[in-house]
């Protein structure tokens, strides 16, 4: 594995540990798959851990390419795309909540 893959793998495993402790029975039965909710949650956690929003938002001011962001954070481009989706969904959810308060 590359250094980037190792970083992502460790962050992904930490996400499982934090969010899914006690779900060992499901793991033993191999219920988990890549598209599974728990996997997506662990992937999103890894993206947020390895690509902190404070640093990402500063970097985005320069309108970098995906590969430049990946190089900056030493992650794969796939994880950058996921992090940007998580950020966009957060912003969308936040603006929806603010609209609900006003209306």
PDB file of N, CA and C in Angstrom:
ATOM      1  N   UNK A   1       0.832  -1.191   0.000  1.00  0.00           N
ATOM      2  CA  UNK A   1       0.000   0.000   0.000  1.00  0.00           C
ATOM      3  C   UNK A   1       0.873   1.249   0.000  1.00  0.00           C
ATOM      4  N   UNK A   2       0.378   2.282  -0.657  1.00  0.00           N
ATOM      5  CA  UNK A   2       1.094   3.559  -0.649  1.00  0.00           C
ATOM      6  C   UNK A   2       0.896   4.251   0.701  1.00  0.00           C
ATOM      7  N   UNK A   3       1.679   5.275   0.952  1.00  0.00           N
ATOM      8  CA  UNK A   3       1.542   6.044   2.193  1.00  0.00           C
ATOM      9  C   UNK A   3       0.139   6.641   2.273  1.00  0.00           C
ATOM     10  N   UNK A   4      -0.363   7.132   1.167  1.00  0.00           N
ATOM     11  CA  UNK A   4      -1.709   7.719   1.146  1.00  0.00           C
ATOM     12  C   UNK A   4      -2.764   6.676   1.500  1.00  0.00           C
ATOM     13  N   UNK A   5      -2.638   5.502   0.916  1.00  0.00           N
ATOM     14  CA  UNK A   5      -3.601   4.428   1.204  1.00  0.00           C
ATOM     15  C   UNK A   5      -3.525   3.995   2.666  1.00  0.00           C
ATOM     16  N   UNK A   6      -2.320   3.932   3.195  1.00  0.00           N
ATOM     17  CA  UNK A   6      -2.163   3.560   4.610  1.00  0.00           C
ATOM     18  C   UNK A   6      -2.814   4.591   5.525  1.00  0.00           C
ATOM     19  N   UNK A   7      -2.619   5.873   5.228  1.00  0.00           N
ATOM     20  CA  UNK A   7      -3.238   6.933   6.036  1.00  0.00           C
ATOM     21  C   UNK A   7      -4.761   6.800   6.011  1.00  0.00           C
ATOM     22  N   UNK A   8      -5.304   6.573   4.824  1.00  0.00           N
ATOM     23  CA  UNK A   8      -6.752   6.441   4.686  1.00  0.00           C
ATOM     24  C   UNK A   8      -7.267   5.192   5.390  1.00  0.00           C
ATOM     25  N   UNK A   9      -6.531   4.116   5.287  1.00  0.00           N
ATOM     26  CA  UNK A   9      -6.938   2.862   5.922  1.00  0.00           C
ATOM     27  C   UNK A   9      -6.999   3.013   7.440  1.00  0.00           C
ATOM     28  N   UNK A  10      -5.992   3.653   8.019  1.00  0.00           N
ATOM     29  CA  UNK A  10      -5.983   3.860   9.474  1.00  0.00           C
ATOM     30  C   UNK A  10      -7.136   4.773   9.883  1.00  0.00           C
ATOM     31  N   UNK A  11      -7.340   5.872   9.163  1.00  0.00           N
ATOM     32  CA  UNK A  11      -8.434   6.792   9.493  1.00  0.00           C
ATOM     33  C   UNK A  11      -9.788   6.103   9.345  1.00  0.00           C
ATOM     34  N   UNK A  12      -9.933   5.276   8.330  1.00  0.00           N
ATOM     35  CA  UNK A  12     -11.166   4.511   8.106  1.00  0.00           C
ATOM     36  C   UNK A  12     -11.410   3.553   9.278  1.00  0.00           C
ATOM     37  N   UNK A  13     -10.363   2.872   9.708  1.00  0.00           N
ATOM     38  CA  UNK A  13     -10.486   1.933  10.832  1.00  0.00           C
ATOM     39  C   UNK A  13     -10.855   2.662  12.122  1.00  0.00           C
ATOM     40  N   UNK A  14     -10.285   3.846  12.334  1.00  0.00           N
ATOM     41  CA  UNK A  14     -10.639   4.643  13.514  1.00  0.00           C
ATOM     42  C   UNK A  14     -12.119   5.017  13.453  1.00  0.00           C
ATOM     43  N   UNK A  15     -12.600   5.364  12.272  1.00  0.00           N
ATOM     44  CA  UNK A  15     -14.018   5.675  12.106  1.00  0.00           C
ATOM     45  C   UNK A  15     -14.896   4.506  12.498  1.00  0.00           C
ATOM     46  N   UNK A  16     -14.536   3.307  12.051  1.00  0.00           N
ATOM     47  CA  UNK A  16     -15.293   2.113  12.451  1.00  0.00           C
ATOM     48  C   UNK A  16     -15.249   1.934  13.964  1.00  0.00           C
ATOM     49  N   UNK A  17     -14.086   2.111  14.541  1.00  0.00           N
ATOM     50  CA  UNK A  17     -13.948   1.924  15.989  1.00  0.00           C
ATOM     51  C   UNK A  17     -14.830   2.905  16.757  1.00  0.00           C
ATOM     52  N   UNK A  18     -14.835   4.156  16.335  1.00  0.00           N
ATOM     53  CA  UNK A  18     -15.607   5.177  17.043  1.00  0.00           C
ATOM     54  C   UNK A  18     -17.115   5.043  16.836  1.00  0.00           C
ATOM     55  N   UNK A  19     -17.518   4.726  15.615  1.00  0.00           N
ATOM     56  CA  UNK A  19     -18.946   4.708  15.293  1.00  0.00           C
ATOM     57  C   UNK A  19     -19.601   3.341  15.408  1.00  0.00           C
ATOM     58  N   UNK A  20     -18.819   2.288  15.269  1.00  0.00           N
ATOM     59  CA  UNK A  20     -19.431   0.968  15.135  1.00  0.00           C
ATOM     60  C   UNK A  20     -18.953  -0.047  16.159  1.00  0.00           C
ATOM     61  N   UNK A  21     -18.413   0.426  17.264  1.00  0.00           N
ATOM     62  CA  UNK A  21     -17.992  -0.496  18.323  1.00  0.00           C
ATOM     63  C   UNK A  21     -19.209  -1.294  18.776  1.00  0.00           C
ATOM     64  N   UNK A  22     -19.038  -2.582  18.919  1.00  0.00           N
ATOM     65  CA  UNK A  22     -20.146  -3.440  19.334  1.00  0.00           C
ATOM     66  C   UNK A  22     -20.864  -4.090  18.171  1.00  0.00           C
ATOM     67  N   UNK A  23     -20.501  -3.731  16.948  1.00  0.00           N
ATOM     68  CA  UNK A  23     -21.127  -4.327  15.771  1.00  0.00           C
ATOM     69  C   UNK A  23     -20.298  -5.486  15.221  1.00  0.00           C
ATOM     70  N   UNK A  24     -19.562  -6.144  16.077  1.00  0.00           N
ATOM     71  CA  UNK A  24     -18.663  -7.204  15.624  1.00  0.00           C
ATOM     72  C   UNK A  24     -19.411  -8.388  15.031  1.00  0.00           C
ATOM     73  N   UNK A  25     -20.607  -8.670  15.513  1.00  0.00           N
ATOM     74  CA  UNK A  25     -21.376  -9.791  14.983  1.00  0.00           C
ATOM     75  C   UNK A  25     -21.670  -9.574  13.505  1.00  0.00           C
ATOM     76  N   UNK A  26     -22.081  -8.369  13.153  1.00  0.00           N
ATOM     77  CA  UNK A  26     -22.362  -8.068  11.750  1.00  0.00           C
ATOM     78  C   UNK A  26     -21.100  -8.217  10.910  1.00  0.00           C
ATOM     79  N   UNK A  27     -19.968  -7.796  11.455  1.00  0.00           N
ATOM     80  CA  UNK A  27     -18.716  -7.905  10.718  1.00  0.00           C
ATOM     81  C   UNK A  27     -18.324  -9.367  10.527  1.00  0.00           C
ATOM     82  N   UNK A  28     -18.548 -10.182  11.547  1.00  0.00           N
ATOM     83  CA  UNK A  28     -18.199 -11.594  11.444  1.00  0.00           C
ATOM     84  C   UNK A  28     -19.058 -12.295  10.403  1.00  0.00           C
ATOM     85  N   UNK A  29     -20.293 -11.854  10.260  1.00  0.00           N
ATOM     86  CA  UNK A  29     -21.190 -12.468   9.282  1.00  0.00           C
ATOM     87  C   UNK A  29     -20.972 -11.892   7.883  1.00  0.00           C
ATOM     88  N   UNK A  30     -20.021 -10.974   7.763  1.00  0.00           N
ATOM     89  CA  UNK A  30     -19.676 -10.353   6.483  1.00  0.00           C
ATOM     90  C   UNK A  30     -20.869  -9.638   5.848  1.00  0.00           C
ATOM     91  N   UNK A  31     -21.633  -8.978   6.670  1.00  0.00           N
ATOM     92  CA  UNK A  31     -22.760  -8.200   6.174  1.00  0.00           C
ATOM     93  C   UNK A  31     -22.251  -6.924   5.506  1.00  0.00           C
ATOM     94  N   UNK A  32     -21.072  -6.485   5.898  1.00  0.00           N
ATOM     95  CA  UNK A  32     -20.532  -5.240   5.386  1.00  0.00           C
ATOM     96  C   UNK A  32     -20.138  -5.377   3.920  1.00  0.00           C
ATOM     97  N   UNK A  33     -20.362  -4.318   3.173  1.00  0.00           N
ATOM     98  CA  UNK A  33     -19.910  -4.232   1.793  1.00  0.00           C
ATOM     99  C   UNK A  33     -19.491  -2.794   1.542  1.00  0.00           C
ATOM    100  N   UNK A  34     -18.836  -2.543   0.414  1.00  0.00           N
ATOM    101  CA  UNK A  34     -18.324  -1.199   0.148  1.00  0.00           C
ATOM    102  C   UNK A  34     -19.450  -0.168   0.131  1.00  0.00           C
ATOM    103  N   UNK A  35     -20.614  -0.522  -0.405  1.00  0.00           N
ATOM    104  CA  UNK A  35     -21.716   0.417  -0.498  1.00  0.00           C
ATOM    105  C   UNK A  35     -22.519   0.527   0.780  1.00  0.00           C
ATOM    106  N   UNK A  36     -22.187  -0.256   1.775  1.00  0.00           N
ATOM    107  CA  UNK A  36     -22.912  -0.293   3.040  1.00  0.00           C
ATOM    108  C   UNK A  36     -22.820   1.040   3.775  1.00  0.00           C
ATOM    109  N   UNK A  37     -23.863   1.361   4.534  1.00  0.00           N
ATOM    110  CA  UNK A  37     -23.918   2.609   5.302  1.00  0.00           C
ATOM    111  C   UNK A  37     -22.720   2.755   6.241  1.00  0.00           C
ATOM    112  N   UNK A  38     -22.359   1.682   6.939  1.00  0.00           N
ATOM    113  CA  UNK A  38     -21.233   1.761   7.876  1.00  0.00           C
ATOM    114  C   UNK A  38     -19.920   2.060   7.151  1.00  0.00           C
ATOM    115  N   UNK A  39     -19.759   1.485   5.981  1.00  0.00           N
ATOM    116  CA  UNK A  39     -18.546   1.755   5.199  1.00  0.00           C
ATOM    117  C   UNK A  39     -18.527   3.207   4.739  1.00  0.00           C
ATOM    118  N   UNK A  40     -19.669   3.687   4.280  1.00  0.00           N
ATOM    119  CA  UNK A  40     -19.744   5.085   3.842  1.00  0.00           C
ATOM    120  C   UNK A  40     -19.461   6.028   5.003  1.00  0.00           C
ATOM    121  N   UNK A  41     -19.976   5.685   6.170  1.00  0.00           N
ATOM    122  CA  UNK A  41     -19.756   6.511   7.351  1.00  0.00           C
ATOM    123  C   UNK A  41     -18.270   6.524   7.726  1.00  0.00           C
ATOM    124  N   UNK A  42     -17.627   5.378   7.695  1.00  0.00           N
ATOM    125  CA  UNK A  42     -16.195   5.306   8.016  1.00  0.00           C
ATOM    126  C   UNK A  42     -15.363   6.042   6.967  1.00  0.00           C
ATOM    127  N   UNK A  43     -15.762   5.953   5.703  1.00  0.00           N
ATOM    128  CA  UNK A  43     -15.060   6.682   4.646  1.00  0.00           C
ATOM    129  C   UNK A  43     -15.202   8.189   4.837  1.00  0.00           C
ATOM    130  N   UNK A  44     -16.412   8.643   5.167  1.00  0.00           N
ATOM    131  CA  UNK A  44     -16.639  10.076   5.388  1.00  0.00           C
ATOM    132  C   UNK A  44     -15.831  10.564   6.591  1.00  0.00           C
ATOM    133  N   UNK A  45     -15.778   9.741   7.642  1.00  0.00           N
ATOM    134  CA  UNK A  45     -14.975  10.102   8.810  1.00  0.00           C
ATOM    135  C   UNK A  45     -13.511  10.259   8.410  1.00  0.00           C
ATOM    136  N   UNK A  46     -12.996   9.300   7.649  1.00  0.00           N
ATOM    137  CA  UNK A  46     -11.598   9.359   7.212  1.00  0.00           C
ATOM    138  C   UNK A  46     -11.343  10.624   6.403  1.00  0.00           C
ATOM    139  N   UNK A  47     -12.269  10.957   5.518  1.00  0.00           N
ATOM    140  CA  UNK A  47     -12.111  12.162   4.697  1.00  0.00           C
ATOM    141  C   UNK A  47     -12.060  13.415   5.566  1.00  0.00           C
ATOM    142  N   UNK A  48     -12.944  13.489   6.547  1.00  0.00           N
ATOM    143  CA  UNK A  48     -12.985  14.669   7.425  1.00  0.00           C
ATOM    144  C   UNK A  48     -11.771  14.735   8.347  1.00  0.00           C
ATOM    145  N   UNK A  49     -11.299  13.593   8.793  1.00  0.00           N
ATOM    146  CA  UNK A  49     -10.133  13.561   9.672  1.00  0.00           C
ATOM    147  C   UNK A  49      -8.865  13.977   8.928  1.00  0.00           C
ATOM    148  N   UNK A  50      -8.691  13.452   7.728  1.00  0.00           N
ATOM    149  CA  UNK A  50      -7.462  13.696   6.979  1.00  0.00           C
ATOM    150  C   UNK A  50      -7.481  15.002   6.191  1.00  0.00           C
ATOM    151  N   UNK A  51      -8.680  15.546   5.976  1.00  0.00           N
ATOM    152  CA  UNK A  51      -8.815  16.802   5.235  1.00  0.00           C
ATOM    153  C   UNK A  51      -9.669  17.749   6.079  1.00  0.00           C
ATOM    154  N   UNK A  52      -9.083  18.376   7.079  1.00  0.00           N
ATOM    155  CA  UNK A  52      -9.850  19.256   7.969  1.00  0.00           C
ATOM    156  C   UNK A  52     -10.448  20.445   7.213  1.00  0.00           C
ATOM    157  N   UNK A  53     -11.673  20.774   7.558  1.00  0.00           N
ATOM    158  CA  UNK A  53     -12.391  21.845   6.866  1.00  0.00           C
ATOM    159  C   UNK A  53     -11.664  23.180   6.957  1.00  0.00           C
ATOM    160  N   UNK A  54     -11.076  23.488   8.097  1.00  0.00           N
ATOM    161  CA  UNK A  54     -10.389  24.780   8.246  1.00  0.00           C
ATOM    162  C   UNK A  54      -9.262  24.929   7.223  1.00  0.00           C
ATOM    163  N   UNK A  55      -8.501  23.885   7.034  1.00  0.00           N
ATOM    164  CA  UNK A  55      -7.396  23.937   6.069  1.00  0.00           C
ATOM    165  C   UNK A  55      -7.913  23.856   4.639  1.00  0.00           C
ATOM    166  N   UNK A  56      -8.932  23.022   4.427  1.00  0.00           N
ATOM    167  CA  UNK A  56      -9.493  22.873   3.086  1.00  0.00           C
ATOM    168  C   UNK A  56     -10.101  24.186   2.603  1.00  0.00           C
ATOM    169  N   UNK A  57     -10.840  24.860   3.460  1.00  0.00           N
ATOM    170  CA  UNK A  57     -11.490  26.108   3.036  1.00  0.00           C
ATOM    171  C   UNK A  57     -10.457  27.179   2.682  1.00  0.00           C
ATOM    172  N   UNK A  58      -9.351  27.239   3.418  1.00  0.00           N
ATOM    173  CA  UNK A  58      -8.282  28.196   3.074  1.00  0.00           C
ATOM    174  C   UNK A  58      -7.662  27.838   1.731  1.00  0.00           C
ATOM    175  N   UNK A  59      -7.430  26.557   1.526  1.00  0.00           N
ATOM    176  CA  UNK A  59      -6.826  26.099   0.282  1.00  0.00           C
ATOM    177  C   UNK A  59      -7.741  26.366  -0.912  1.00  0.00           C
ATOM    178  N   UNK A  60      -9.047  26.240  -0.715  1.00  0.00           N
ATOM    179  CA  UNK A  60     -10.007  26.399  -1.806  1.00  0.00           C
ATOM    180  C   UNK A  60     -10.045  27.831  -2.335  1.00  0.00           C
ATOM    181  N   UNK A  61      -9.572  28.785  -1.567  1.00  0.00           N
ATOM    182  CA  UNK A  61      -9.526  30.178  -2.034  1.00  0.00           C
ATOM    183  C   UNK A  61      -8.678  30.303  -3.296  1.00  0.00           C
ATOM    184  N   UNK A  62      -7.711  29.405  -3.461  1.00  0.00           N
ATOM    185  CA  UNK A  62      -6.832  29.417  -4.639  1.00  0.00           C
ATOM    186  C   UNK A  62      -7.385  28.585  -5.791  1.00  0.00           C
ATOM    187  N   UNK A  63      -8.571  28.003  -5.602  1.00  0.00           N
ATOM    188  CA  UNK A  63      -9.249  27.180  -6.611  1.00  0.00           C
ATOM    189  C   UNK A  63      -8.333  26.076  -7.176  1.00  0.00           C
ATOM    190  N   UNK A  64      -7.804  25.239  -6.294  1.00  0.00           N
ATOM    191  CA  UNK A  64      -6.886  24.183  -6.737  1.00  0.00           C
ATOM    192  C   UNK A  64      -7.616  23.054  -7.463  1.00  0.00           C
ATOM    193  N   UNK A  65      -6.856  22.298  -8.224  1.00  0.00           N
ATOM    194  CA  UNK A  65      -7.376  21.084  -8.861  1.00  0.00           C
ATOM    195  C   UNK A  65      -7.440  19.982  -7.806  1.00  0.00           C
ATOM    196  N   UNK A  66      -8.209  18.941  -8.108  1.00  0.00           N
ATOM    197  CA  UNK A  66      -8.365  17.807  -7.188  1.00  0.00           C
ATOM    198  C   UNK A  66      -7.010  17.189  -6.857  1.00  0.00           C
ATOM    199  N   UNK A  67      -6.163  17.014  -7.865  1.00  0.00           N
ATOM    200  CA  UNK A  67      -4.859  16.391  -7.615  1.00  0.00           C
ATOM    201  C   UNK A  67      -3.982  17.258  -6.715  1.00  0.00           C
ATOM    202  N   UNK A  68      -4.115  18.576  -6.809  1.00  0.00           N
ATOM    203  CA  UNK A  68      -3.345  19.470  -5.946  1.00  0.00           C
ATOM    204  C   UNK A  68      -3.814  19.373  -4.495  1.00  0.00           C
ATOM    205  N   UNK A  69      -5.118  19.248  -4.312  1.00  0.00           N
ATOM    206  CA  UNK A  69      -5.650  19.078  -2.954  1.00  0.00           C
ATOM    207  C   UNK A  69      -5.163  17.751  -2.386  1.00  0.00           C
ATOM    208  N   UNK A  70      -5.219  16.700  -3.212  1.00  0.00           N
ATOM    209  CA  UNK A  70      -4.765  15.376  -2.774  1.00  0.00           C
ATOM    210  C   UNK A  70      -3.296  15.421  -2.365  1.00  0.00           C
ATOM    211  N   UNK A  71      -2.480  16.088  -3.153  1.00  0.00           N
ATOM    212  CA  UNK A  71      -1.058  16.206  -2.822  1.00  0.00           C
ATOM    213  C   UNK A  71      -0.862  16.977  -1.520  1.00  0.00           C
ATOM    214  N   UNK A  72      -1.624  18.036  -1.336  1.00  0.00           N
ATOM    215  CA  UNK A  72      -1.495  18.864  -0.140  1.00  0.00           C
ATOM    216  C   UNK A  72      -1.786  18.073   1.126  1.00  0.00           C
ATOM    217  N   UNK A  73      -2.806  17.216   1.079  1.00  0.00           N
ATOM    218  CA  UNK A  73      -3.211  16.461   2.265  1.00  0.00           C
ATOM    219  C   UNK A  73      -2.675  15.026   2.281  1.00  0.00           C
ATOM    220  N   UNK A  74      -1.921  14.653   1.252  1.00  0.00           N
ATOM    221  CA  UNK A  74      -1.348  13.307   1.145  1.00  0.00           C
ATOM    222  C   UNK A  74      -2.425  12.221   1.229  1.00  0.00           C
ATOM    223  N   UNK A  75      -3.467  12.398   0.404  1.00  0.00           N
ATOM    224  CA  UNK A  75      -4.549  11.426   0.288  1.00  0.00           C
ATOM    225  C   UNK A  75      -4.804  11.176  -1.195  1.00  0.00           C
ATOM    226  N   UNK A  76      -5.614  10.168  -1.471  1.00  0.00           N
ATOM    227  CA  UNK A  76      -5.972   9.883  -2.856  1.00  0.00           C
ATOM    228  C   UNK A  76      -7.049  10.868  -3.331  1.00  0.00           C
ATOM    229  N   UNK A  77      -7.110  11.071  -4.636  1.00  0.00           N
ATOM    230  CA  UNK A  77      -8.089  11.991  -5.217  1.00  0.00           C
ATOM    231  C   UNK A  77      -9.519  11.565  -4.880  1.00  0.00           C
ATOM    232  N   UNK A  78      -9.761  10.275  -4.811  1.00  0.00           N
ATOM    233  CA  UNK A  78     -11.091   9.760  -4.472  1.00  0.00           C
ATOM    234  C   UNK A  78     -11.547  10.289  -3.107  1.00  0.00           C
ATOM    235  N   UNK A  79     -10.631  10.350  -2.153  1.00  0.00           N
ATOM    236  CA  UNK A  79     -10.984  10.844  -0.821  1.00  0.00           C
ATOM    237  C   UNK A  79     -11.254  12.351  -0.853  1.00  0.00           C
ATOM    238  N   UNK A  80     -10.535  13.074  -1.682  1.00  0.00           N
ATOM    239  CA  UNK A  80     -10.785  14.512  -1.830  1.00  0.00           C
ATOM    240  C   UNK A  80     -12.196  14.732  -2.367  1.00  0.00           C
ATOM    241  N   UNK A  81     -12.572  13.966  -3.378  1.00  0.00           N
ATOM    242  CA  UNK A  81     -13.922  14.109  -3.942  1.00  0.00           C
ATOM    243  C   UNK A  81     -14.986  13.834  -2.883  1.00  0.00           C
ATOM    244  N   UNK A  82     -14.759  12.814  -2.081  1.00  0.00           N
ATOM    245  CA  UNK A  82     -15.702  12.504  -1.010  1.00  0.00           C
ATOM    246  C   UNK A  82     -15.759  13.653  -0.009  1.00  0.00           C
ATOM    247  N   UNK A  83     -14.609  14.199   0.359  1.00  0.00           N
ATOM    248  CA  UNK A  83     -14.583  15.297   1.342  1.00  0.00           C
ATOM    249  C   UNK A  83     -15.332  16.506   0.819  1.00  0.00           C
ATOM    250  N   UNK A  84     -15.177  16.801  -0.460  1.00  0.00           N
ATOM    251  CA  UNK A  84     -15.887  17.934  -1.047  1.00  0.00           C
ATOM    252  C   UNK A  84     -17.395  17.696  -1.047  1.00  0.00           C
ATOM    253  N   UNK A  85     -17.813  16.450  -1.276  1.00  0.00           N
ATOM    254  CA  UNK A  85     -19.245  16.113  -1.212  1.00  0.00           C
ATOM    255  C   UNK A  85     -19.776  16.272   0.209  1.00  0.00           C
ATOM    256  N   UNK A  86     -19.011  15.797   1.183  1.00  0.00           N
ATOM    257  CA  UNK A  86     -19.427  15.922   2.584  1.00  0.00           C
ATOM    258  C   UNK A  86     -19.570  17.399   2.948  1.00  0.00           C
ATOM    259  N   UNK A  87     -18.622  18.210   2.525  1.00  0.00           N
ATOM    260  CA  UNK A  87     -18.661  19.649   2.800  1.00  0.00           C
ATOM    261  C   UNK A  87     -19.884  20.285   2.142  1.00  0.00           C
ATOM    262  N   UNK A  88     -20.126  19.953   0.871  1.00  0.00           N
ATOM    263  CA  UNK A  88     -21.279  20.512   0.155  1.00  0.00           C
ATOM    264  C   UNK A  88     -22.586  20.106   0.825  1.00  0.00           C
ATOM    265  N   UNK A  89     -22.691  18.855   1.236  1.00  0.00           N
ATOM    266  CA  UNK A  89     -23.904  18.393   1.915  1.00  0.00           C
ATOM    267  C   UNK A  89     -24.089  19.091   3.253  1.00  0.00           C
ATOM    268  N   UNK A  90     -22.997  19.321   3.959  1.00  0.00           N
ATOM    269  CA  UNK A  90     -23.059  20.036   5.231  1.00  0.00           C
ATOM    270  C   UNK A  90     -23.566  21.460   5.013  1.00  0.00           C
ATOM    271  N   UNK A  91     -23.006  22.136   4.019  1.00  0.00           N
ATOM    272  CA  UNK A  91     -23.421  23.511   3.723  1.00  0.00           C
ATOM    273  C   UNK A  91     -24.890  23.551   3.315  1.00  0.00           C
ATOM    274  N   UNK A  92     -25.310  22.586   2.504  1.00  0.00           N
ATOM    275  CA  UNK A  92     -26.707  22.516   2.059  1.00  0.00           C
ATOM    276  C   UNK A  92     -27.629  22.294   3.253  1.00  0.00           C
ATOM    277  N   UNK A  93     -27.257  21.374   4.127  1.00  0.00           N
ATOM    278  CA  UNK A  93     -28.057  21.086   5.315  1.00  0.00           C
ATOM    279  C   UNK A  93     -28.107  22.301   6.239  1.00  0.00           C
ATOM    280  N   UNK A  94     -26.976  22.949   6.405  1.00  0.00           N
ATOM    281  CA  UNK A  94     -26.906  24.124   7.271  1.00  0.00           C
ATOM    282  C   UNK A  94     -27.783  25.250   6.734  1.00  0.00           C
ATOM    283  N   UNK A  95     -27.731  25.492   5.436  1.00  0.00           N
ATOM    284  CA  UNK A  95     -28.550  26.570   4.866  1.00  0.00           C
ATOM    285  C   UNK A  95     -30.030  26.221   4.951  1.00  0.00           C
ATOM    286  N   UNK A  96     -30.383  24.946   4.821  1.00  0.00           N
ATOM    287  CA  UNK A  96     -31.771  24.519   4.965  1.00  0.00           C
ATOM    288  C   UNK A  96     -32.277  24.732   6.374  1.00  0.00           C
ATOM    289  N   UNK A  97     -31.435  24.467   7.344  1.00  0.00           N
ATOM    290  CA  UNK A  97     -31.820  24.671   8.748  1.00  0.00           C
ATOM    291  C   UNK A  97     -31.992  26.153   9.054  1.00  0.00           C
ATOM    292  N   UNK A  98     -31.123  26.971   8.495  1.00  0.00           N
ATOM    293  CA  UNK A  98     -31.233  28.409   8.731  1.00  0.00           C
ATOM    294  C   UNK A  98     -32.490  28.965   8.077  1.00  0.00           C
ATOM    295  N   UNK A  99     -32.838  28.461   6.896  1.00  0.00           N
ATOM    296  CA  UNK A  99     -34.058  28.896   6.215  1.00  0.00           C
ATOM    297  C   UNK A  99     -35.286  28.509   7.015  1.00  0.00           C
ATOM    298  N   UNK A 100     -35.265  27.338   7.619  1.00  0.00           N
ATOM    299  CA  UNK A 100     -36.401  26.867   8.410  1.00  0.00           C
ATOM    300  C   UNK A 100     -36.612  27.757   9.633  1.00  0.00           C
ATOM    301  N   UNK A 101     -35.543  28.252  10.205  1.00  0.00           N
ATOM    302  CA  UNK A 101     -35.660  29.133  11.373  1.00  0.00           C
ATOM    303  C   UNK A 101     -36.256  30.483  10.990  1.00  0.00           C
ATOM    304  N   UNK A 102     -35.869  30.975   9.822  1.00  0.00           N
ATOM    305  CA  UNK A 102     -36.343  32.278   9.364  1.00  0.00           C
ATOM    306  C   UNK A 102     -37.809  32.194   8.967  1.00  0.00           C
ATOM    307  N   UNK A 103     -38.162  31.128   8.260  1.00  0.00           N
ATOM    308  CA  UNK A 103     -39.519  30.963   7.731  1.00  0.00           C
ATOM    309  C   UNK A 103     -40.430  30.522   8.772  1.00  0.00           C
TER     310      UNK A 103
END
